[in-house]
Amino acid sequence: MMTIDSLKVNIFQEVMGMTQEQLQKVYDYIATLDLKKEREYSMSPALLEAALDYTMHVAEEDSLYTTEEAFEQVDKRLGWK
């Protein structure tokens, strides 16, 4: 089994050889992991209001997806499945 330092070095070496597209995929994947960090988000009231209006509009049309369906689409589009 590799030590944590060896893992970090190997990961860094892999990252250094990646294209921008590959790095974006890695970043997107890492962002989905629960890293136990608290994240603070700030959203303008206008953007929040627009998101709520859109959500209500879609809900009225019965076009909402379950969380599982949404994650499946993300996995497919990013090539994770």
PDB file of N, CA and C in Angstrom:
ATOM      1  N   MET A   1       0.845  -1.189   0.000  1.00  0.00           N
ATOM      2  CA  MET A   1       0.000   0.000   0.000  1.00  0.00           C
ATOM      3  C   MET A   1       0.884   1.243   0.000  1.00  0.00           C
ATOM      4  N   MET A   2       0.491   2.235  -0.795  1.00  0.00           N
ATOM      5  CA  MET A   2       1.257   3.477  -0.891  1.00  0.00           C
ATOM      6  C   MET A   2       1.046   4.354   0.333  1.00  0.00           C
ATOM      7  N   THR A   3       2.076   5.117   0.645  1.00  0.00           N
ATOM      8  CA  THR A   3       1.927   6.097   1.712  1.00  0.00           C
ATOM      9  C   THR A   3       1.132   7.276   1.179  1.00  0.00           C
ATOM     10  N   ILE A   4       0.629   8.074   2.075  1.00  0.00           N
ATOM     11  CA  ILE A   4      -0.152   9.240   1.647  1.00  0.00           C
ATOM     12  C   ILE A   4       0.706  10.212   0.843  1.00  0.00           C
ATOM     13  N   ASP A   5       1.969  10.342   1.209  1.00  0.00           N
ATOM     14  CA  ASP A   5       2.856  11.231   0.457  1.00  0.00           C
ATOM     15  C   ASP A   5       3.079  10.716  -0.963  1.00  0.00           C
ATOM     16  N   SER A   6       3.232   9.415  -1.109  1.00  0.00           N
ATOM     17  CA  SER A   6       3.399   8.824  -2.442  1.00  0.00           C
ATOM     18  C   SER A   6       2.145   9.038  -3.282  1.00  0.00           C
ATOM     19  N   LEU A   7       0.987   8.854  -2.668  1.00  0.00           N
ATOM     20  CA  LEU A   7      -0.270   9.093  -3.382  1.00  0.00           C
ATOM     21  C   LEU A   7      -0.363  10.535  -3.865  1.00  0.00           C
ATOM     22  N   LYS A   8      -0.026  11.465  -3.004  1.00  0.00           N
ATOM     23  CA  LYS A   8      -0.092  12.887  -3.373  1.00  0.00           C
ATOM     24  C   LYS A   8       0.836  13.197  -4.533  1.00  0.00           C
ATOM     25  N   VAL A   9       2.063  12.673  -4.481  1.00  0.00           N
ATOM     26  CA  VAL A   9       3.024  12.913  -5.564  1.00  0.00           C
ATOM     27  C   VAL A   9       2.521  12.303  -6.858  1.00  0.00           C
ATOM     28  N   ASN A  10       2.027  11.068  -6.805  1.00  0.00           N
ATOM     29  CA  ASN A  10       1.519  10.414  -8.011  1.00  0.00           C
ATOM     30  C   ASN A  10       0.331  11.166  -8.602  1.00  0.00           C
ATOM     31  N   ILE A  11      -0.555  11.604  -7.754  1.00  0.00           N
ATOM     32  CA  ILE A  11      -1.712  12.379  -8.232  1.00  0.00           C
ATOM     33  C   ILE A  11      -1.239  13.673  -8.875  1.00  0.00           C
ATOM     34  N   PHE A  12      -0.308  14.357  -8.229  1.00  0.00           N
ATOM     35  CA  PHE A  12       0.207  15.614  -8.775  1.00  0.00           C
ATOM     36  C   PHE A  12       0.847  15.386 -10.147  1.00  0.00           C
ATOM     37  N   GLN A  13       1.621  14.312 -10.290  1.00  0.00           N
ATOM     38  CA  GLN A  13       2.250  14.014 -11.569  1.00  0.00           C
ATOM     39  C   GLN A  13       1.201  13.766 -12.647  1.00  0.00           C
ATOM     40  N   GLU A  14       0.145  13.053 -12.308  1.00  0.00           N
ATOM     41  CA  GLU A  14      -0.937  12.806 -13.269  1.00  0.00           C
ATOM     42  C   GLU A  14      -1.610  14.115 -13.673  1.00  0.00           C
ATOM     43  N   VAL A  15      -1.881  14.954 -12.698  1.00  0.00           N
ATOM     44  CA  VAL A  15      -2.560  16.228 -12.948  1.00  0.00           C
ATOM     45  C   VAL A  15      -1.725  17.116 -13.870  1.00  0.00           C
ATOM     46  N   MET A  16      -0.426  17.119 -13.673  1.00  0.00           N
ATOM     47  CA  MET A  16       0.444  17.970 -14.486  1.00  0.00           C
ATOM     48  C   MET A  16       0.424  17.590 -15.960  1.00  0.00           C
ATOM     49  N   GLY A  17       0.076  16.354 -16.280  1.00  0.00           N
ATOM     50  CA  GLY A  17       0.034  15.914 -17.669  1.00  0.00           C
ATOM     51  C   GLY A  17      -1.335  15.986 -18.316  1.00  0.00           C
ATOM     52  N   MET A  18      -2.314  16.519 -17.618  1.00  0.00           N
ATOM     53  CA  MET A  18      -3.682  16.536 -18.130  1.00  0.00           C
ATOM     54  C   MET A  18      -3.962  17.762 -18.989  1.00  0.00           C
ATOM     55  N   THR A  19      -4.901  17.567 -19.913  1.00  0.00           N
ATOM     56  CA  THR A  19      -5.391  18.686 -20.712  1.00  0.00           C
ATOM     57  C   THR A  19      -6.388  19.491 -19.871  1.00  0.00           C
ATOM     58  N   GLN A  20      -6.764  20.649 -20.365  1.00  0.00           N
ATOM     59  CA  GLN A  20      -7.739  21.470 -19.639  1.00  0.00           C
ATOM     60  C   GLN A  20      -9.061  20.729 -19.491  1.00  0.00           C
ATOM     61  N   GLU A  21      -9.473  20.010 -20.532  1.00  0.00           N
ATOM     62  CA  GLU A  21     -10.737  19.271 -20.475  1.00  0.00           C
ATOM     63  C   GLU A  21     -10.674  18.170 -19.411  1.00  0.00           C
ATOM     64  N   GLN A  22      -9.564  17.461 -19.362  1.00  0.00           N
ATOM     65  CA  GLN A  22      -9.403  16.412 -18.356  1.00  0.00           C
ATOM     66  C   GLN A  22      -9.398  17.006 -16.949  1.00  0.00           C
ATOM     67  N   LEU A  23      -8.700  18.125 -16.787  1.00  0.00           N
ATOM     68  CA  LEU A  23      -8.663  18.779 -15.476  1.00  0.00           C
ATOM     69  C   LEU A  23     -10.050  19.230 -15.042  1.00  0.00           C
ATOM     70  N   GLN A  24     -10.839  19.722 -15.983  1.00  0.00           N
ATOM     71  CA  GLN A  24     -12.194  20.158 -15.652  1.00  0.00           C
ATOM     72  C   GLN A  24     -13.028  18.976 -15.173  1.00  0.00           C
ATOM     73  N   LYS A  25     -12.877  17.825 -15.826  1.00  0.00           N
ATOM     74  CA  LYS A  25     -13.606  16.631 -15.400  1.00  0.00           C
ATOM     75  C   LYS A  25     -13.186  16.200 -13.995  1.00  0.00           C
ATOM     76  N   VAL A  26     -11.874  16.248 -13.730  1.00  0.00           N
ATOM     77  CA  VAL A  26     -11.378  15.885 -12.399  1.00  0.00           C
ATOM     78  C   VAL A  26     -11.926  16.856 -11.365  1.00  0.00           C
ATOM     79  N   TYR A  27     -11.888  18.136 -11.676  1.00  0.00           N
ATOM     80  CA  TYR A  27     -12.399  19.147 -10.750  1.00  0.00           C
ATOM     81  C   TYR A  27     -13.890  18.922 -10.478  1.00  0.00           C
ATOM     82  N   ASP A  28     -14.656  18.665 -11.529  1.00  0.00           N
ATOM     83  CA  ASP A  28     -16.095  18.425 -11.375  1.00  0.00           C
ATOM     84  C   ASP A  28     -16.346  17.208 -10.495  1.00  0.00           C
ATOM     85  N   TYR A  29     -15.536  16.170 -10.664  1.00  0.00           N
ATOM     86  CA  TYR A  29     -15.701  14.981  -9.842  1.00  0.00           C
ATOM     87  C   TYR A  29     -15.362  15.281  -8.385  1.00  0.00           C
ATOM     88  N   ILE A  30     -14.254  15.953  -8.151  1.00  0.00           N
ATOM     89  CA  ILE A  30     -13.844  16.269  -6.778  1.00  0.00           C
ATOM     90  C   ILE A  30     -14.902  17.124  -6.088  1.00  0.00           C
ATOM     91  N   ALA A  31     -15.524  18.004  -6.839  1.00  0.00           N
ATOM     92  CA  ALA A  31     -16.554  18.870  -6.266  1.00  0.00           C
ATOM     93  C   ALA A  31     -17.763  18.067  -5.791  1.00  0.00           C
ATOM     94  N   THR A  32     -17.964  16.859  -6.340  1.00  0.00           N
ATOM     95  CA  THR A  32     -19.108  16.045  -5.921  1.00  0.00           C
ATOM     96  C   THR A  32     -18.825  15.259  -4.645  1.00  0.00           C
ATOM     97  N   LEU A  33     -17.571  15.175  -4.261  1.00  0.00           N
ATOM     98  CA  LEU A  33     -17.206  14.415  -3.066  1.00  0.00           C
ATOM     99  C   LEU A  33     -17.549  15.192  -1.811  1.00  0.00           C
ATOM    100  N   ASP A  34     -17.939  14.489  -0.787  1.00  0.00           N
ATOM    101  CA  ASP A  34     -18.226  15.120   0.493  1.00  0.00           C
ATOM    102  C   ASP A  34     -16.906  15.244   1.239  1.00  0.00           C
ATOM    103  N   LEU A  35     -16.308  16.403   1.182  1.00  0.00           N
ATOM    104  CA  LEU A  35     -14.993  16.611   1.789  1.00  0.00           C
ATOM    105  C   LEU A  35     -15.088  17.212   3.175  1.00  0.00           C
ATOM    106  N   LYS A  36     -16.275  17.221   3.751  1.00  0.00           N
ATOM    107  CA  LYS A  36     -16.507  17.706   5.118  1.00  0.00           C
ATOM    108  C   LYS A  36     -16.101  19.167   5.318  1.00  0.00           C
ATOM    109  N   LYS A  37     -16.138  19.917   4.255  1.00  0.00           N
ATOM    110  CA  LYS A  37     -15.834  21.339   4.368  1.00  0.00           C
ATOM    111  C   LYS A  37     -17.149  22.108   4.294  1.00  0.00           C
ATOM    112  N   GLU A  38     -17.274  23.058   5.149  1.00  0.00           N
ATOM    113  CA  GLU A  38     -18.451  23.910   5.060  1.00  0.00           C
ATOM    114  C   GLU A  38     -18.230  24.893   3.925  1.00  0.00           C
ATOM    115  N   ARG A  39     -19.236  25.037   3.135  1.00  0.00           N
ATOM    116  CA  ARG A  39     -19.147  25.968   2.015  1.00  0.00           C
ATOM    117  C   ARG A  39     -20.194  27.040   2.199  1.00  0.00           C
ATOM    118  N   GLU A  40     -19.796  28.244   1.951  1.00  0.00           N
ATOM    119  CA  GLU A  40     -20.713  29.362   2.044  1.00  0.00           C
ATOM    120  C   GLU A  40     -21.020  29.846   0.640  1.00  0.00           C
ATOM    121  N   TYR A  41     -22.270  30.010   0.355  1.00  0.00           N
ATOM    122  CA  TYR A  41     -22.679  30.475  -0.948  1.00  0.00           C
ATOM    123  C   TYR A  41     -23.436  31.782  -0.799  1.00  0.00           C
ATOM    124  N   SER A  42     -23.220  32.647  -1.738  1.00  0.00           N
ATOM    125  CA  SER A  42     -23.920  33.916  -1.739  1.00  0.00           C
ATOM    126  C   SER A  42     -24.632  34.052  -3.075  1.00  0.00           C
ATOM    127  N   MET A  43     -25.895  34.369  -3.001  1.00  0.00           N
ATOM    128  CA  MET A  43     -26.684  34.513  -4.213  1.00  0.00           C
ATOM    129  C   MET A  43     -27.456  35.820  -4.133  1.00  0.00           C
ATOM    130  N   SER A  44     -27.433  36.560  -5.219  1.00  0.00           N
ATOM    131  CA  SER A  44     -28.164  37.823  -5.212  1.00  0.00           C
ATOM    132  C   SER A  44     -29.657  37.543  -5.089  1.00  0.00           C
ATOM    133  N   PRO A  45     -30.387  38.442  -4.440  1.00  0.00           N
ATOM    134  CA  PRO A  45     -31.844  38.251  -4.318  1.00  0.00           C
ATOM    135  C   PRO A  45     -32.532  38.101  -5.677  1.00  0.00           C
ATOM    136  N   ALA A  46     -32.053  38.834  -6.683  1.00  0.00           N
ATOM    137  CA  ALA A  46     -32.669  38.752  -8.012  1.00  0.00           C
ATOM    138  C   ALA A  46     -32.462  37.357  -8.625  1.00  0.00           C
ATOM    139  N   LEU A  47     -31.260  36.813  -8.469  1.00  0.00           N
ATOM    140  CA  LEU A  47     -30.985  35.487  -9.003  1.00  0.00           C
ATOM    141  C   LEU A  47     -31.785  34.428  -8.251  1.00  0.00           C
ATOM    142  N   LEU A  48     -31.861  34.561  -6.946  1.00  0.00           N
ATOM    143  CA  LEU A  48     -32.642  33.629  -6.140  1.00  0.00           C
ATOM    144  C   LEU A  48     -34.114  33.664  -6.553  1.00  0.00           C
ATOM    145  N   GLU A  49     -34.636  34.864  -6.734  1.00  0.00           N
ATOM    146  CA  GLU A  49     -36.040  35.030  -7.144  1.00  0.00           C
ATOM    147  C   GLU A  49     -36.272  34.390  -8.518  1.00  0.00           C
ATOM    148  N   ALA A  50     -35.338  34.589  -9.453  1.00  0.00           N
ATOM    149  CA  ALA A  50     -35.462  34.002 -10.789  1.00  0.00           C
ATOM    150  C   ALA A  50     -35.423  32.476 -10.719  1.00  0.00           C
ATOM    151  N   ALA A  51     -34.545  31.933  -9.880  1.00  0.00           N
ATOM    152  CA  ALA A  51     -34.455  30.477  -9.724  1.00  0.00           C
ATOM    153  C   ALA A  51     -35.746  29.919  -9.136  1.00  0.00           C
ATOM    154  N   LEU A  52     -36.296  30.607  -8.152  1.00  0.00           N
ATOM    155  CA  LEU A  52     -37.552  30.168  -7.552  1.00  0.00           C
ATOM    156  C   LEU A  52     -38.705  30.231  -8.554  1.00  0.00           C
ATOM    157  N   ASP A  53     -38.765  31.317  -9.324  1.00  0.00           N
ATOM    158  CA  ASP A  53     -39.811  31.443 -10.340  1.00  0.00           C
ATOM    159  C   ASP A  53     -39.716  30.318 -11.362  1.00  0.00           C
ATOM    160  N   TYR A  54     -38.497  30.030 -11.812  1.00  0.00           N
ATOM    161  CA  TYR A  54     -38.303  28.965 -12.794  1.00  0.00           C
ATOM    162  C   TYR A  54     -38.698  27.610 -12.205  1.00  0.00           C
ATOM    163  N   THR A  55     -38.287  27.357 -10.983  1.00  0.00           N
ATOM    164  CA  THR A  55     -38.612  26.093 -10.331  1.00  0.00           C
ATOM    165  C   THR A  55     -40.124  25.908 -10.210  1.00  0.00           C
ATOM    166  N   MET A  56     -40.813  26.961  -9.823  1.00  0.00           N
ATOM    167  CA  MET A  56     -42.271  26.882  -9.714  1.00  0.00           C
ATOM    168  C   MET A  56     -42.902  26.631 -11.082  1.00  0.00           C
ATOM    169  N   HIS A  57     -42.378  27.290 -12.119  1.00  0.00           N
ATOM    170  CA  HIS A  57     -42.884  27.103 -13.480  1.00  0.00           C
ATOM    171  C   HIS A  57     -42.714  25.655 -13.920  1.00  0.00           C
ATOM    172  N   VAL A  58     -41.538  25.096 -13.699  1.00  0.00           N
ATOM    173  CA  VAL A  58     -41.263  23.714 -14.092  1.00  0.00           C
ATOM    174  C   VAL A  58     -42.119  22.746 -13.278  1.00  0.00           C
ATOM    175  N   ALA A  59     -42.298  23.032 -11.996  1.00  0.00           N
ATOM    176  CA  ALA A  59     -43.109  22.161 -11.140  1.00  0.00           C
ATOM    177  C   ALA A  59     -44.560  22.130 -11.624  1.00  0.00           C
ATOM    178  N   GLU A  60     -45.050  23.258 -12.064  1.00  0.00           N
ATOM    179  CA  GLU A  60     -46.425  23.319 -12.565  1.00  0.00           C
ATOM    180  C   GLU A  60     -46.583  22.507 -13.845  1.00  0.00           C
ATOM    181  N   GLU A  61     -45.504  22.414 -14.640  1.00  0.00           N
ATOM    182  CA  GLU A  61     -45.549  21.634 -15.881  1.00  0.00           C
ATOM    183  C   GLU A  61     -45.254  20.161 -15.633  1.00  0.00           C
ATOM    184  N   ASP A  62     -44.969  19.800 -14.387  1.00  0.00           N
ATOM    185  CA  ASP A  62     -44.658  18.423 -14.007  1.00  0.00           C
ATOM    186  C   ASP A  62     -43.425  17.913 -14.754  1.00  0.00           C
ATOM    187  N   SER A  63     -42.411  18.786 -14.894  1.00  0.00           N
ATOM    188  CA  SER A  63     -41.187  18.419 -15.606  1.00  0.00           C
ATOM    189  C   SER A  63     -39.994  18.290 -14.671  1.00  0.00           C
ATOM    190  N   LEU A  64     -40.244  18.079 -13.394  1.00  0.00           N
ATOM    191  CA  LEU A  64     -39.144  17.956 -12.446  1.00  0.00           C
ATOM    192  C   LEU A  64     -38.546  16.555 -12.496  1.00  0.00           C
ATOM    193  N   TYR A  65     -37.263  16.467 -12.189  1.00  0.00           N
ATOM    194  CA  TYR A  65     -36.567  15.191 -12.127  1.00  0.00           C
ATOM    195  C   TYR A  65     -36.239  14.877 -10.680  1.00  0.00           C
ATOM    196  N   THR A  66     -36.156  13.599 -10.368  1.00  0.00           N
ATOM    197  CA  THR A  66     -35.713  13.218  -9.036  1.00  0.00           C
ATOM    198  C   THR A  66     -34.216  13.475  -8.939  1.00  0.00           C
ATOM    199  N   THR A  67     -33.704  13.500  -7.728  1.00  0.00           N
ATOM    200  CA  THR A  67     -32.270  13.686  -7.532  1.00  0.00           C
ATOM    201  C   THR A  67     -31.507  12.569  -8.219  1.00  0.00           C
ATOM    202  N   GLU A  68     -32.010  11.352  -8.108  1.00  0.00           N
ATOM    203  CA  GLU A  68     -31.349  10.204  -8.736  1.00  0.00           C
ATOM    204  C   GLU A  68     -31.301  10.370 -10.251  1.00  0.00           C
ATOM    205  N   GLU A  69     -32.386  10.813 -10.859  1.00  0.00           N
ATOM    206  CA  GLU A  69     -32.407  11.025 -12.303  1.00  0.00           C
ATOM    207  C   GLU A  69     -31.414  12.115 -12.716  1.00  0.00           C
ATOM    208  N   ALA A  70     -31.349  13.168 -11.936  1.00  0.00           N
ATOM    209  CA  ALA A  70     -30.416  14.254 -12.239  1.00  0.00           C
ATOM    210  C   ALA A  70     -28.971  13.770 -12.160  1.00  0.00           C
ATOM    211  N   PHE A  71     -28.632  13.016 -11.112  1.00  0.00           N
ATOM    212  CA  PHE A  71     -27.274  12.497 -10.966  1.00  0.00           C
ATOM    213  C   PHE A  71     -26.929  11.524 -12.089  1.00  0.00           C
ATOM    214  N   GLU A  72     -27.896  10.725 -12.526  1.00  0.00           N
ATOM    215  CA  GLU A  72     -27.655   9.801 -13.631  1.00  0.00           C
ATOM    216  C   GLU A  72     -27.309  10.561 -14.904  1.00  0.00           C
ATOM    217  N   GLN A  73     -28.013  11.661 -15.162  1.00  0.00           N
ATOM    218  CA  GLN A  73     -27.720  12.478 -16.343  1.00  0.00           C
ATOM    219  C   GLN A  73     -26.329  13.094 -16.259  1.00  0.00           C
ATOM    220  N   VAL A  74     -25.974  13.586 -15.071  1.00  0.00           N
ATOM    221  CA  VAL A  74     -24.639  14.164 -14.878  1.00  0.00           C
ATOM    222  C   VAL A  74     -23.580  13.099 -15.118  1.00  0.00           C
ATOM    223  N   ASP A  75     -23.770  11.923 -14.538  1.00  0.00           N
ATOM    224  CA  ASP A  75     -22.815  10.827 -14.719  1.00  0.00           C
ATOM    225  C   ASP A  75     -22.647  10.474 -16.194  1.00  0.00           C
ATOM    226  N   LYS A  76     -23.757  10.401 -16.922  1.00  0.00           N
ATOM    227  CA  LYS A  76     -23.698  10.070 -18.341  1.00  0.00           C
ATOM    228  C   LYS A  76     -22.948  11.138 -19.127  1.00  0.00           C
ATOM    229  N   ARG A  77     -23.290  12.407 -18.894  1.00  0.00           N
ATOM    230  CA  ARG A  77     -22.679  13.494 -19.649  1.00  0.00           C
ATOM    231  C   ARG A  77     -21.192  13.653 -19.361  1.00  0.00           C
ATOM    232  N   LEU A  78     -20.783  13.330 -18.154  1.00  0.00           N
ATOM    233  CA  LEU A  78     -19.371  13.437 -17.797  1.00  0.00           C
ATOM    234  C   LEU A  78     -18.619  12.129 -18.063  1.00  0.00           C
ATOM    235  N   GLY A  79     -19.345  11.111 -18.518  1.00  0.00           N
ATOM    236  CA  GLY A  79     -18.713   9.845 -18.857  1.00  0.00           C
ATOM    237  C   GLY A  79     -18.302   9.011 -17.660  1.00  0.00           C
ATOM    238  N   TRP A  80     -18.944   9.212 -16.536  1.00  0.00           N
ATOM    239  CA  TRP A  80     -18.607   8.470 -15.311  1.00  0.00           C
ATOM    240  C   TRP A  80     -19.321   7.130 -15.256  1.00  0.00           C
ATOM    241  N   LYS A  81     -20.308   6.933 -16.106  1.00  0.00           N
ATOM    242  CA  LYS A  81     -21.035   5.662 -16.143  1.00  0.00           C
ATOM    243  C   LYS A  81     -21.115   5.183 -17.567  1.00  0.00           C
TER     244      LYS A  81
END
